[in-house]
Amino acid sequence: MFDEYPKLQLIIGHLGEALPFMMERLEQNLPAALTNLKHPFGAYLRENINYTISGFNFTPVFLNLFLEVGAERIMFSADYPYSSMVEARDFLEHLPVSSDDRERIAHGNAERLMHI
């Protein structure tokens, strides 16, 4: 799908549903020669997928995603009513990132992606 529509962007919740954690293994076990994709598997996860926090207010898991895809692909979201809005906001305010990255994650990335 992404080879045919390279500008297509998708949003996945819950810090990527464990895909970022598996990214290197997926690239190792699904090389482009095996999948017949134009790019390595991880390239699509880094260039065509955007990730929301969605109640996964866990710093180590967040940092894994942050290191894999960068702040430009992560968006704040809460998983209300399943998770606390107060905890979500507190998590955002205490992320170990720069203030510029926090603004990107808080609203800038969503505004850019959704043209709002």
PDB file of N, CA and C in Angstrom:
ATOM      1  N   MET A   1       0.830  -1.177   0.000  1.00  0.00           N
ATOM      2  CA  MET A   1       0.000   0.000   0.000  1.00  0.00           C
ATOM      3  C   MET A   1       0.883   1.253   0.000  1.00  0.00           C
ATOM      4  N   PHE A   2       1.919   1.255   0.844  1.00  0.00           N
ATOM      5  CA  PHE A   2       2.763   2.446   0.923  1.00  0.00           C
ATOM      6  C   PHE A   2       3.672   2.588  -0.299  1.00  0.00           C
ATOM      7  N   ASP A   3       3.979   1.486  -0.964  1.00  0.00           N
ATOM      8  CA  ASP A   3       4.741   1.599  -2.205  1.00  0.00           C
ATOM      9  C   ASP A   3       3.895   2.264  -3.281  1.00  0.00           C
ATOM     10  N   GLU A   4       2.616   1.941  -3.315  1.00  0.00           N
ATOM     11  CA  GLU A   4       1.728   2.521  -4.313  1.00  0.00           C
ATOM     12  C   GLU A   4       1.325   3.951  -3.947  1.00  0.00           C
ATOM     13  N   TYR A   5       1.188   4.219  -2.647  1.00  0.00           N
ATOM     14  CA  TYR A   5       0.787   5.547  -2.149  1.00  0.00           C
ATOM     15  C   TYR A   5       1.817   6.017  -1.119  1.00  0.00           C
ATOM     16  N   PRO A   6       2.987   6.438  -1.552  1.00  0.00           N
ATOM     17  CA  PRO A   6       4.072   6.759  -0.614  1.00  0.00           C
ATOM     18  C   PRO A   6       3.794   7.933   0.320  1.00  0.00           C
ATOM     19  N   LYS A   7       2.841   8.787  -0.012  1.00  0.00           N
ATOM     20  CA  LYS A   7       2.523   9.914   0.865  1.00  0.00           C
ATOM     21  C   LYS A   7       1.426   9.577   1.881  1.00  0.00           C
ATOM     22  N   LEU A   8       0.861   8.388   1.782  1.00  0.00           N
ATOM     23  CA  LEU A   8      -0.195   7.965   2.694  1.00  0.00           C
ATOM     24  C   LEU A   8       0.328   7.943   4.121  1.00  0.00           C
ATOM     25  N   GLN A   9      -0.462   8.489   5.039  1.00  0.00           N
ATOM     26  CA  GLN A   9      -0.108   8.522   6.451  1.00  0.00           C
ATOM     27  C   GLN A   9      -1.218   7.849   7.260  1.00  0.00           C
ATOM     28  N   LEU A  10      -0.825   6.987   8.178  1.00  0.00           N
ATOM     29  CA  LEU A  10      -1.759   6.329   9.083  1.00  0.00           C
ATOM     30  C   LEU A  10      -1.423   6.706  10.509  1.00  0.00           C
ATOM     31  N   ILE A  11      -2.406   6.592  11.375  1.00  0.00           N
ATOM     32  CA  ILE A  11      -2.218   6.851  12.803  1.00  0.00           C
ATOM     33  C   ILE A  11      -2.528   5.563  13.556  1.00  0.00           C
ATOM     34  N   ILE A  12      -1.603   5.175  14.421  1.00  0.00           N
ATOM     35  CA  ILE A  12      -1.774   3.993  15.272  1.00  0.00           C
ATOM     36  C   ILE A  12      -1.712   4.450  16.718  1.00  0.00           C
ATOM     37  N   GLY A  13      -2.602   3.951  17.537  1.00  0.00           N
ATOM     38  CA  GLY A  13      -2.630   4.303  18.949  1.00  0.00           C
ATOM     39  C   GLY A  13      -1.708   3.452  19.800  1.00  0.00           C
ATOM     40  N   HIS A  14      -1.780   3.701  21.106  1.00  0.00           N
ATOM     41  CA  HIS A  14      -1.083   2.906  22.120  1.00  0.00           C
ATOM     42  C   HIS A  14       0.412   2.751  21.837  1.00  0.00           C
ATOM     43  N   LEU A  15       1.052   3.859  21.483  1.00  0.00           N
ATOM     44  CA  LEU A  15       2.487   3.903  21.185  1.00  0.00           C
ATOM     45  C   LEU A  15       2.896   2.889  20.127  1.00  0.00           C
ATOM     46  N   GLY A  16       1.974   2.608  19.209  1.00  0.00           N
ATOM     47  CA  GLY A  16       2.307   1.744  18.086  1.00  0.00           C
ATOM     48  C   GLY A  16       1.951   0.288  18.252  1.00  0.00           C
ATOM     49  N   GLU A  17       1.200  -0.025  19.302  1.00  0.00           N
ATOM     50  CA  GLU A  17       0.746  -1.414  19.498  1.00  0.00           C
ATOM     51  C   GLU A  17       1.903  -2.409  19.440  1.00  0.00           C
ATOM     52  N   ALA A  18       3.039  -2.042  20.001  1.00  0.00           N
ATOM     53  CA  ALA A  18       4.251  -2.876  20.107  1.00  0.00           C
ATOM     54  C   ALA A  18       5.048  -2.986  18.810  1.00  0.00           C
ATOM     55  N   LEU A  19       4.581  -2.426  17.710  1.00  0.00           N
ATOM     56  CA  LEU A  19       5.348  -2.487  16.464  1.00  0.00           C
ATOM     57  C   LEU A  19       6.732  -1.837  16.587  1.00  0.00           C
ATOM     58  N   PRO A  20       6.849  -0.665  17.210  1.00  0.00           N
ATOM     59  CA  PRO A  20       8.184  -0.073  17.317  1.00  0.00           C
ATOM     60  C   PRO A  20       9.154  -0.955  18.115  1.00  0.00           C
ATOM     61  N   PHE A  21       8.647  -1.634  19.098  1.00  0.00           N
ATOM     62  CA  PHE A  21       9.478  -2.543  19.889  1.00  0.00           C
ATOM     63  C   PHE A  21      10.016  -3.674  19.014  1.00  0.00           C
ATOM     64  N   MET A  22       9.237  -4.082  18.028  1.00  0.00           N
ATOM     65  CA  MET A  22       9.601  -5.191  17.148  1.00  0.00           C
ATOM     66  C   MET A  22      10.281  -4.739  15.853  1.00  0.00           C
ATOM     67  N   MET A  23      10.471  -3.441  15.671  1.00  0.00           N
ATOM     68  CA  MET A  23      10.919  -2.909  14.394  1.00  0.00           C
ATOM     69  C   MET A  23      12.212  -3.544  13.896  1.00  0.00           C
ATOM     70  N   GLU A  24      13.216  -3.605  14.719  1.00  0.00           N
ATOM     71  CA  GLU A  24      14.494  -4.160  14.264  1.00  0.00           C
ATOM     72  C   GLU A  24      14.371  -5.634  13.922  1.00  0.00           C
ATOM     73  N   ARG A  25      13.600  -6.362  14.696  1.00  0.00           N
ATOM     74  CA  ARG A  25      13.402  -7.788  14.402  1.00  0.00           C
ATOM     75  C   ARG A  25      12.612  -7.971  13.106  1.00  0.00           C
ATOM     76  N   LEU A  26      11.614  -7.139  12.888  1.00  0.00           N
ATOM     77  CA  LEU A  26      10.855  -7.205  11.646  1.00  0.00           C
ATOM     78  C   LEU A  26      11.757  -6.926  10.444  1.00  0.00           C
ATOM     79  N   GLU A  27      12.620  -5.939  10.575  1.00  0.00           N
ATOM     80  CA  GLU A  27      13.545  -5.624   9.478  1.00  0.00           C
ATOM     81  C   GLU A  27      14.518  -6.776   9.232  1.00  0.00           C
ATOM     82  N   GLN A  28      14.958  -7.394  10.298  1.00  0.00           N
ATOM     83  CA  GLN A  28      15.904  -8.505  10.179  1.00  0.00           C
ATOM     84  C   GLN A  28      15.246  -9.721   9.525  1.00  0.00           C
ATOM     85  N   ASN A  29      14.028 -10.018   9.933  1.00  0.00           N
ATOM     86  CA  ASN A  29      13.366 -11.239   9.470  1.00  0.00           C
ATOM     87  C   ASN A  29      12.498 -11.046   8.235  1.00  0.00           C
ATOM     88  N   LEU A  30      12.226  -9.794   7.875  1.00  0.00           N
ATOM     89  CA  LEU A  30      11.426  -9.508   6.682  1.00  0.00           C
ATOM     90  C   LEU A  30      12.175  -8.554   5.758  1.00  0.00           C
ATOM     91  N   PRO A  31      13.318  -8.975   5.226  1.00  0.00           N
ATOM     92  CA  PRO A  31      14.068  -8.081   4.339  1.00  0.00           C
ATOM     93  C   PRO A  31      13.289  -7.805   3.056  1.00  0.00           C
ATOM     94  N   ALA A  32      13.616  -6.700   2.418  1.00  0.00           N
ATOM     95  CA  ALA A  32      12.920  -6.300   1.200  1.00  0.00           C
ATOM     96  C   ALA A  32      12.947  -7.403   0.143  1.00  0.00           C
ATOM     97  N   ALA A  33      14.039  -8.167   0.080  1.00  0.00           N
ATOM     98  CA  ALA A  33      14.122  -9.261  -0.899  1.00  0.00           C
ATOM     99  C   ALA A  33      13.047 -10.320  -0.649  1.00  0.00           C
ATOM    100  N   LEU A  34      12.696 -10.528   0.586  1.00  0.00           N
ATOM    101  CA  LEU A  34      11.675 -11.519   0.930  1.00  0.00           C
ATOM    102  C   LEU A  34      10.260 -10.966   0.738  1.00  0.00           C
ATOM    103  N   THR A  35      10.057  -9.710   1.074  1.00  0.00           N
ATOM    104  CA  THR A  35       8.707  -9.126   1.042  1.00  0.00           C
ATOM    105  C   THR A  35       8.348  -8.520  -0.315  1.00  0.00           C
ATOM    106  N   ASN A  36       9.344  -8.295  -1.157  1.00  0.00           N
ATOM    107  CA  ASN A  36       9.153  -7.614  -2.443  1.00  0.00           C
ATOM    108  C   ASN A  36       8.680  -6.178  -2.267  1.00  0.00           C
ATOM    109  N   LEU A  37       8.978  -5.588  -1.114  1.00  0.00           N
ATOM    110  CA  LEU A  37       8.674  -4.181  -0.886  1.00  0.00           C
ATOM    111  C   LEU A  37       9.810  -3.332  -1.449  1.00  0.00           C
ATOM    112  N   LYS A  38       9.527  -2.090  -1.752  1.00  0.00           N
ATOM    113  CA  LYS A  38      10.548  -1.185  -2.279  1.00  0.00           C
ATOM    114  C   LYS A  38      11.543  -0.742  -1.208  1.00  0.00           C
ATOM    115  N   HIS A  39      11.111  -0.792   0.055  1.00  0.00           N
ATOM    116  CA  HIS A  39      11.943  -0.296   1.153  1.00  0.00           C
ATOM    117  C   HIS A  39      11.957  -1.314   2.289  1.00  0.00           C
ATOM    118  N   PRO A  40      12.928  -1.212   3.190  1.00  0.00           N
ATOM    119  CA  PRO A  40      12.902  -2.063   4.373  1.00  0.00           C
ATOM    120  C   PRO A  40      11.622  -1.813   5.173  1.00  0.00           C
ATOM    121  N   PHE A  41      11.155  -2.831   5.841  1.00  0.00           N
ATOM    122  CA  PHE A  41       9.908  -2.770   6.596  1.00  0.00           C
ATOM    123  C   PHE A  41       9.872  -1.567   7.542  1.00  0.00           C
ATOM    124  N   GLY A  42      10.964  -1.330   8.251  1.00  0.00           N
ATOM    125  CA  GLY A  42      11.016  -0.231   9.211  1.00  0.00           C
ATOM    126  C   GLY A  42      10.858   1.138   8.575  1.00  0.00           C
ATOM    127  N   ALA A  43      11.224   1.272   7.320  1.00  0.00           N
ATOM    128  CA  ALA A  43      11.085   2.570   6.651  1.00  0.00           C
ATOM    129  C   ALA A  43       9.629   3.000   6.619  1.00  0.00           C
ATOM    130  N   TYR A  44       8.741   2.067   6.400  1.00  0.00           N
ATOM    131  CA  TYR A  44       7.313   2.401   6.375  1.00  0.00           C
ATOM    132  C   TYR A  44       6.828   2.797   7.769  1.00  0.00           C
ATOM    133  N   LEU A  45       7.344   2.106   8.787  1.00  0.00           N
ATOM    134  CA  LEU A  45       6.958   2.428  10.162  1.00  0.00           C
ATOM    135  C   LEU A  45       7.506   3.779  10.599  1.00  0.00           C
ATOM    136  N   ARG A  46       8.595   4.215   9.973  1.00  0.00           N
ATOM    137  CA  ARG A  46       9.197   5.499  10.308  1.00  0.00           C
ATOM    138  C   ARG A  46       8.684   6.645   9.440  1.00  0.00           C
ATOM    139  N   GLU A  47       8.167   6.349   8.256  1.00  0.00           N
ATOM    140  CA  GLU A  47       7.804   7.404   7.311  1.00  0.00           C
ATOM    141  C   GLU A  47       6.313   7.504   7.003  1.00  0.00           C
ATOM    142  N   ASN A  48       5.553   6.439   7.261  1.00  0.00           N
ATOM    143  CA  ASN A  48       4.136   6.445   6.901  1.00  0.00           C
ATOM    144  C   ASN A  48       3.204   6.262   8.091  1.00  0.00           C
ATOM    145  N   ILE A  49       3.754   6.007   9.243  1.00  0.00           N
ATOM    146  CA  ILE A  49       2.930   5.765  10.430  1.00  0.00           C
ATOM    147  C   ILE A  49       3.190   6.874  11.440  1.00  0.00           C
ATOM    148  N   ASN A  50       2.112   7.319  12.067  1.00  0.00           N
ATOM    149  CA  ASN A  50       2.167   8.285  13.158  1.00  0.00           C
ATOM    150  C   ASN A  50       1.588   7.588  14.371  1.00  0.00           C
ATOM    151  N   TYR A  51       2.088   7.913  15.529  1.00  0.00           N
ATOM    152  CA  TYR A  51       1.766   7.166  16.734  1.00  0.00           C
ATOM    153  C   TYR A  51       1.163   8.075  17.796  1.00  0.00           C
ATOM    154  N   THR A  52       0.144   7.587  18.484  1.00  0.00           N
ATOM    155  CA  THR A  52      -0.404   8.340  19.609  1.00  0.00           C
ATOM    156  C   THR A  52      -0.064   7.620  20.908  1.00  0.00           C
ATOM    157  N   ILE A  53      -0.074   8.379  21.984  1.00  0.00           N
ATOM    158  CA  ILE A  53       0.252   7.820  23.292  1.00  0.00           C
ATOM    159  C   ILE A  53      -0.896   6.962  23.813  1.00  0.00           C
ATOM    160  N   SER A  54      -2.115   7.436  23.723  1.00  0.00           N
ATOM    161  CA  SER A  54      -3.334   6.664  24.021  1.00  0.00           C
ATOM    162  C   SER A  54      -3.311   5.883  25.329  1.00  0.00           C
ATOM    163  N   GLY A  55      -2.952   6.532  26.400  1.00  0.00           N
ATOM    164  CA  GLY A  55      -3.023   5.870  27.700  1.00  0.00           C
ATOM    165  C   GLY A  55      -1.812   5.022  28.044  1.00  0.00           C
ATOM    166  N   PHE A  56      -0.839   4.932  27.165  1.00  0.00           N
ATOM    167  CA  PHE A  56       0.380   4.197  27.475  1.00  0.00           C
ATOM    168  C   PHE A  56       1.379   5.175  28.092  1.00  0.00           C
ATOM    169  N   ASN A  57       1.092   5.558  29.298  1.00  0.00           N
ATOM    170  CA  ASN A  57       1.867   6.577  30.009  1.00  0.00           C
ATOM    171  C   ASN A  57       3.044   5.940  30.734  1.00  0.00           C
ATOM    172  N   PHE A  58       3.912   5.302  29.967  1.00  0.00           N
ATOM    173  CA  PHE A  58       5.048   4.582  30.521  1.00  0.00           C
ATOM    174  C   PHE A  58       6.310   5.109  29.849  1.00  0.00           C
ATOM    175  N   THR A  59       7.160   5.749  30.616  1.00  0.00           N
ATOM    176  CA  THR A  59       8.331   6.415  30.061  1.00  0.00           C
ATOM    177  C   THR A  59       9.243   5.483  29.258  1.00  0.00           C
ATOM    178  N   PRO A  60       9.606   4.293  29.751  1.00  0.00           N
ATOM    179  CA  PRO A  60      10.496   3.443  28.943  1.00  0.00           C
ATOM    180  C   PRO A  60       9.900   3.064  27.585  1.00  0.00           C
ATOM    181  N   VAL A  61       8.619   2.791  27.548  1.00  0.00           N
ATOM    182  CA  VAL A  61       7.974   2.425  26.281  1.00  0.00           C
ATOM    183  C   VAL A  61       7.934   3.640  25.357  1.00  0.00           C
ATOM    184  N   PHE A  62       7.613   4.796  25.917  1.00  0.00           N
ATOM    185  CA  PHE A  62       7.630   6.028  25.134  1.00  0.00           C
ATOM    186  C   PHE A  62       9.019   6.268  24.550  1.00  0.00           C
ATOM    187  N   LEU A  63      10.059   6.120  25.375  1.00  0.00           N
ATOM    188  CA  LEU A  63      11.416   6.387  24.906  1.00  0.00           C
ATOM    189  C   LEU A  63      11.822   5.442  23.785  1.00  0.00           C
ATOM    190  N   ASN A  64      11.370   4.202  23.827  1.00  0.00           N
ATOM    191  CA  ASN A  64      11.648   3.275  22.736  1.00  0.00           C
ATOM    192  C   ASN A  64      11.068   3.826  21.425  1.00  0.00           C
ATOM    193  N   LEU A  65       9.815   4.240  21.467  1.00  0.00           N
ATOM    194  CA  LEU A  65       9.195   4.813  20.272  1.00  0.00           C
ATOM    195  C   LEU A  65       9.916   6.083  19.832  1.00  0.00           C
ATOM    196  N   PHE A  66      10.205   6.946  20.772  1.00  0.00           N
ATOM    197  CA  PHE A  66      10.893   8.213  20.499  1.00  0.00           C
ATOM    198  C   PHE A  66      12.230   7.960  19.795  1.00  0.00           C
ATOM    199  N   LEU A  67      12.982   6.988  20.274  1.00  0.00           N
ATOM    200  CA  LEU A  67      14.275   6.683  19.665  1.00  0.00           C
ATOM    201  C   LEU A  67      14.125   6.055  18.281  1.00  0.00           C
ATOM    202  N   GLU A  68      13.049   5.328  18.053  1.00  0.00           N
ATOM    203  CA  GLU A  68      12.830   4.675  16.756  1.00  0.00           C
ATOM    204  C   GLU A  68      12.310   5.630  15.686  1.00  0.00           C
ATOM    205  N   VAL A  69      11.390   6.523  16.056  1.00  0.00           N
ATOM    206  CA  VAL A  69      10.732   7.328  15.024  1.00  0.00           C
ATOM    207  C   VAL A  69      10.912   8.831  15.197  1.00  0.00           C
ATOM    208  N   GLY A  70      11.342   9.285  16.347  1.00  0.00           N
ATOM    209  CA  GLY A  70      11.513  10.711  16.591  1.00  0.00           C
ATOM    210  C   GLY A  70      10.229  11.396  17.021  1.00  0.00           C
ATOM    211  N   ALA A  71      10.360  12.590  17.530  1.00  0.00           N
ATOM    212  CA  ALA A  71       9.226  13.348  18.062  1.00  0.00           C
ATOM    213  C   ALA A  71       8.221  13.731  16.976  1.00  0.00           C
ATOM    214  N   GLU A  72       8.670  13.812  15.729  1.00  0.00           N
ATOM    215  CA  GLU A  72       7.811  14.273  14.638  1.00  0.00           C
ATOM    216  C   GLU A  72       6.686  13.304  14.293  1.00  0.00           C
ATOM    217  N   ARG A  73       6.717  12.103  14.819  1.00  0.00           N
ATOM    218  CA  ARG A  73       5.713  11.087  14.491  1.00  0.00           C
ATOM    219  C   ARG A  73       4.859  10.700  15.699  1.00  0.00           C
ATOM    220  N   ILE A  74       5.045  11.377  16.813  1.00  0.00           N
ATOM    221  CA  ILE A  74       4.310  11.014  18.032  1.00  0.00           C
ATOM    222  C   ILE A  74       3.322  12.119  18.374  1.00  0.00           C
ATOM    223  N   MET A  75       2.107  11.720  18.739  1.00  0.00           N
ATOM    224  CA  MET A  75       1.074  12.688  19.092  1.00  0.00           C
ATOM    225  C   MET A  75       0.469  12.342  20.446  1.00  0.00           C
ATOM    226  N   PHE A  76       0.197  13.371  21.191  1.00  0.00           N
ATOM    227  CA  PHE A  76      -0.488  13.196  22.467  1.00  0.00           C
ATOM    228  C   PHE A  76      -1.916  12.727  22.226  1.00  0.00           C
ATOM    229  N   SER A  77      -2.352  11.842  23.061  1.00  0.00           N
ATOM    230  CA  SER A  77      -3.761  11.458  23.132  1.00  0.00           C
ATOM    231  C   SER A  77      -3.970  10.795  24.475  1.00  0.00           C
ATOM    232  N   ALA A  78      -5.196  10.770  24.897  1.00  0.00           N
ATOM    233  CA  ALA A  78      -5.563  10.088  26.134  1.00  0.00           C
ATOM    234  C   ALA A  78      -6.476   8.932  25.760  1.00  0.00           C
ATOM    235  N   ASP A  79      -6.618   8.008  26.636  1.00  0.00           N
ATOM    236  CA  ASP A  79      -7.452   6.838  26.368  1.00  0.00           C
ATOM    237  C   ASP A  79      -8.704   6.880  27.238  1.00  0.00           C
ATOM    238  N   TYR A  80      -9.255   8.091  27.369  1.00  0.00           N
ATOM    239  CA  TYR A  80     -10.452   8.281  28.170  1.00  0.00           C
ATOM    240  C   TYR A  80     -11.617   7.539  27.517  1.00  0.00           C
ATOM    241  N   PRO A  81     -12.430   6.830  28.246  1.00  0.00           N
ATOM    242  CA  PRO A  81     -12.549   6.760  29.700  1.00  0.00           C
ATOM    243  C   PRO A  81     -11.748   5.628  30.336  1.00  0.00           C
ATOM    244  N   TYR A  82     -10.899   4.966  29.557  1.00  0.00           N
ATOM    245  CA  TYR A  82     -10.156   3.826  30.082  1.00  0.00           C
ATOM    246  C   TYR A  82      -8.930   4.233  30.885  1.00  0.00           C
ATOM    247  N   SER A  83      -8.437   5.425  30.654  1.00  0.00           N
ATOM    248  CA  SER A  83      -7.292   5.946  31.389  1.00  0.00           C
ATOM    249  C   SER A  83      -7.603   7.364  31.853  1.00  0.00           C
ATOM    250  N   SER A  84      -6.918   7.774  32.875  1.00  0.00           N
ATOM    251  CA  SER A  84      -7.136   9.076  33.487  1.00  0.00           C
ATOM    252  C   SER A  84      -6.604  10.214  32.615  1.00  0.00           C
ATOM    253  N   MET A  85      -7.436  11.220  32.412  1.00  0.00           N
ATOM    254  CA  MET A  85      -6.996  12.413  31.696  1.00  0.00           C
ATOM    255  C   MET A  85      -5.917  13.153  32.490  1.00  0.00           C
ATOM    256  N   VAL A  86      -6.046  13.160  33.809  1.00  0.00           N
ATOM    257  CA  VAL A  86      -5.049  13.823  34.661  1.00  0.00           C
ATOM    258  C   VAL A  86      -3.699  13.136  34.504  1.00  0.00           C
ATOM    259  N   GLU A  87      -3.682  11.805  34.524  1.00  0.00           N
ATOM    260  CA  GLU A  87      -2.426  11.075  34.348  1.00  0.00           C
ATOM    261  C   GLU A  87      -1.841  11.307  32.958  1.00  0.00           C
ATOM    262  N   ALA A  88      -2.693  11.362  31.952  1.00  0.00           N
ATOM    263  CA  ALA A  88      -2.212  11.601  30.589  1.00  0.00           C
ATOM    264  C   ALA A  88      -1.537  12.965  30.484  1.00  0.00           C
ATOM    265  N   ARG A  89      -2.171  13.974  31.044  1.00  0.00           N
ATOM    266  CA  ARG A  89      -1.616  15.333  31.005  1.00  0.00           C
ATOM    267  C   ARG A  89      -0.314  15.412  31.805  1.00  0.00           C
ATOM    268  N   ASP A  90      -0.291  14.773  32.959  1.00  0.00           N
ATOM    269  CA  ASP A  90       0.913  14.748  33.790  1.00  0.00           C
ATOM    270  C   ASP A  90       2.057  14.045  33.051  1.00  0.00           C
ATOM    271  N   PHE A  91       1.736  12.955  32.381  1.00  0.00           N
ATOM    272  CA  PHE A  91       2.747  12.234  31.608  1.00  0.00           C
ATOM    273  C   PHE A  91       3.333  13.137  30.524  1.00  0.00           C
ATOM    274  N   LEU A  92       2.478  13.818  29.796  1.00  0.00           N
ATOM    275  CA  LEU A  92       2.931  14.734  28.750  1.00  0.00           C
ATOM    276  C   LEU A  92       3.837  15.817  29.331  1.00  0.00           C
ATOM    277  N   GLU A  93       3.431  16.398  30.427  1.00  0.00           N
ATOM    278  CA  GLU A  93       4.201  17.499  31.025  1.00  0.00           C
ATOM    279  C   GLU A  93       5.561  17.050  31.542  1.00  0.00           C
ATOM    280  N   HIS A  94       5.722  15.755  31.841  1.00  0.00           N
ATOM    281  CA  HIS A  94       6.979  15.273  32.409  1.00  0.00           C
ATOM    282  C   HIS A  94       7.782  14.378  31.466  1.00  0.00           C
ATOM    283  N   LEU A  95       7.432  14.381  30.188  1.00  0.00           N
ATOM    284  CA  LEU A  95       8.217  13.601  29.229  1.00  0.00           C
ATOM    285  C   LEU A  95       9.651  14.111  29.214  1.00  0.00           C
ATOM    286  N   PRO A  96      10.621  13.204  29.153  1.00  0.00           N
ATOM    287  CA  PRO A  96      12.024  13.626  29.118  1.00  0.00           C
ATOM    288  C   PRO A  96      12.449  14.021  27.701  1.00  0.00           C
ATOM    289  N   VAL A  97      11.826  15.104  27.209  1.00  0.00           N
ATOM    290  CA  VAL A  97      12.121  15.620  25.867  1.00  0.00           C
ATOM    291  C   VAL A  97      12.267  17.135  25.964  1.00  0.00           C
ATOM    292  N   SER A  98      12.762  17.732  24.906  1.00  0.00           N
ATOM    293  CA  SER A  98      12.904  19.194  24.881  1.00  0.00           C
ATOM    294  C   SER A  98      11.525  19.844  24.846  1.00  0.00           C
ATOM    295  N   SER A  99      11.478  21.124  25.164  1.00  0.00           N
ATOM    296  CA  SER A  99      10.194  21.835  25.117  1.00  0.00           C
ATOM    297  C   SER A  99       9.661  21.887  23.684  1.00  0.00           C
ATOM    298  N   ASP A 100      10.537  21.992  22.683  1.00  0.00           N
ATOM    299  CA  ASP A 100      10.084  21.972  21.290  1.00  0.00           C
ATOM    300  C   ASP A 100       9.453  20.626  20.934  1.00  0.00           C
ATOM    301  N   ASP A 101      10.094  19.542  21.360  1.00  0.00           N
ATOM    302  CA  ASP A 101       9.525  18.213  21.098  1.00  0.00           C
ATOM    303  C   ASP A 101       8.204  18.022  21.840  1.00  0.00           C
ATOM    304  N   ARG A 102       8.116  18.542  23.061  1.00  0.00           N
ATOM    305  CA  ARG A 102       6.868  18.430  23.824  1.00  0.00           C
ATOM    306  C   ARG A 102       5.724  19.147  23.083  1.00  0.00           C
ATOM    307  N   GLU A 103       6.010  20.313  22.513  1.00  0.00           N
ATOM    308  CA  GLU A 103       4.984  21.042  21.751  1.00  0.00           C
ATOM    309  C   GLU A 103       4.592  20.286  20.491  1.00  0.00           C
ATOM    310  N   ARG A 104       5.568  19.681  19.819  1.00  0.00           N
ATOM    311  CA  ARG A 104       5.249  18.860  18.644  1.00  0.00           C
ATOM    312  C   ARG A 104       4.299  17.731  19.041  1.00  0.00           C
ATOM    313  N   ILE A 105       4.651  17.046  20.120  1.00  0.00           N
ATOM    314  CA  ILE A 105       3.861  15.907  20.579  1.00  0.00           C
ATOM    315  C   ILE A 105       2.499  16.362  21.093  1.00  0.00           C
ATOM    316  N   ALA A 106       2.460  17.451  21.829  1.00  0.00           N
ATOM    317  CA  ALA A 106       1.217  17.928  22.442  1.00  0.00           C
ATOM    318  C   ALA A 106       0.179  18.329  21.402  1.00  0.00           C
ATOM    319  N   HIS A 107       0.611  19.037  20.347  1.00  0.00           N
ATOM    320  CA  HIS A 107      -0.377  19.517  19.369  1.00  0.00           C
ATOM    321  C   HIS A 107       0.199  19.748  17.972  1.00  0.00           C
ATOM    322  N   GLY A 108       1.455  20.084  17.871  1.00  0.00           N
ATOM    323  CA  GLY A 108       2.035  20.460  16.584  1.00  0.00           C
ATOM    324  C   GLY A 108       1.958  19.375  15.521  1.00  0.00           C
ATOM    325  N   ASN A 109       2.267  18.147  15.886  1.00  0.00           N
ATOM    326  CA  ASN A 109       2.230  17.063  14.902  1.00  0.00           C
ATOM    327  C   ASN A 109       0.814  16.803  14.407  1.00  0.00           C
ATOM    328  N   ALA A 110      -0.143  16.819  15.306  1.00  0.00           N
ATOM    329  CA  ALA A 110      -1.543  16.599  14.907  1.00  0.00           C
ATOM    330  C   ALA A 110      -2.012  17.726  13.998  1.00  0.00           C
ATOM    331  N   GLU A 111      -1.651  18.961  14.328  1.00  0.00           N
ATOM    332  CA  GLU A 111      -2.040  20.102  13.497  1.00  0.00           C
ATOM    333  C   GLU A 111      -1.456  19.978  12.091  1.00  0.00           C
ATOM    334  N   ARG A 112      -0.190  19.594  12.020  1.00  0.00           N
ATOM    335  CA  ARG A 112       0.475  19.441  10.725  1.00  0.00           C
ATOM    336  C   ARG A 112      -0.139  18.281   9.940  1.00  0.00           C
ATOM    337  N   LEU A 113      -0.296  17.146  10.562  1.00  0.00           N
ATOM    338  CA  LEU A 113      -0.797  15.956   9.881  1.00  0.00           C
ATOM    339  C   LEU A 113      -2.224  16.117   9.396  1.00  0.00           C
ATOM    340  N   MET A 114      -3.069  16.729  10.224  1.00  0.00           N
ATOM    341  CA  MET A 114      -4.494  16.833   9.908  1.00  0.00           C
ATOM    342  C   MET A 114      -4.875  18.198   9.319  1.00  0.00           C
ATOM    343  N   HIS A 115      -3.844  19.027   9.082  1.00  0.00           N
ATOM    344  CA  HIS A 115      -4.070  20.340   8.468  1.00  0.00           C
ATOM    345  C   HIS A 115      -5.080  21.175   9.270  1.00  0.00           C
ATOM    346  N   ILE A 116      -4.862  21.233  10.574  1.00  0.00           N
ATOM    347  CA  ILE A 116      -5.762  22.029  11.432  1.00  0.00           C
ATOM    348  C   ILE A 116      -5.004  23.153  12.100  1.00  0.00           C
TER     349      ILE A 116
END
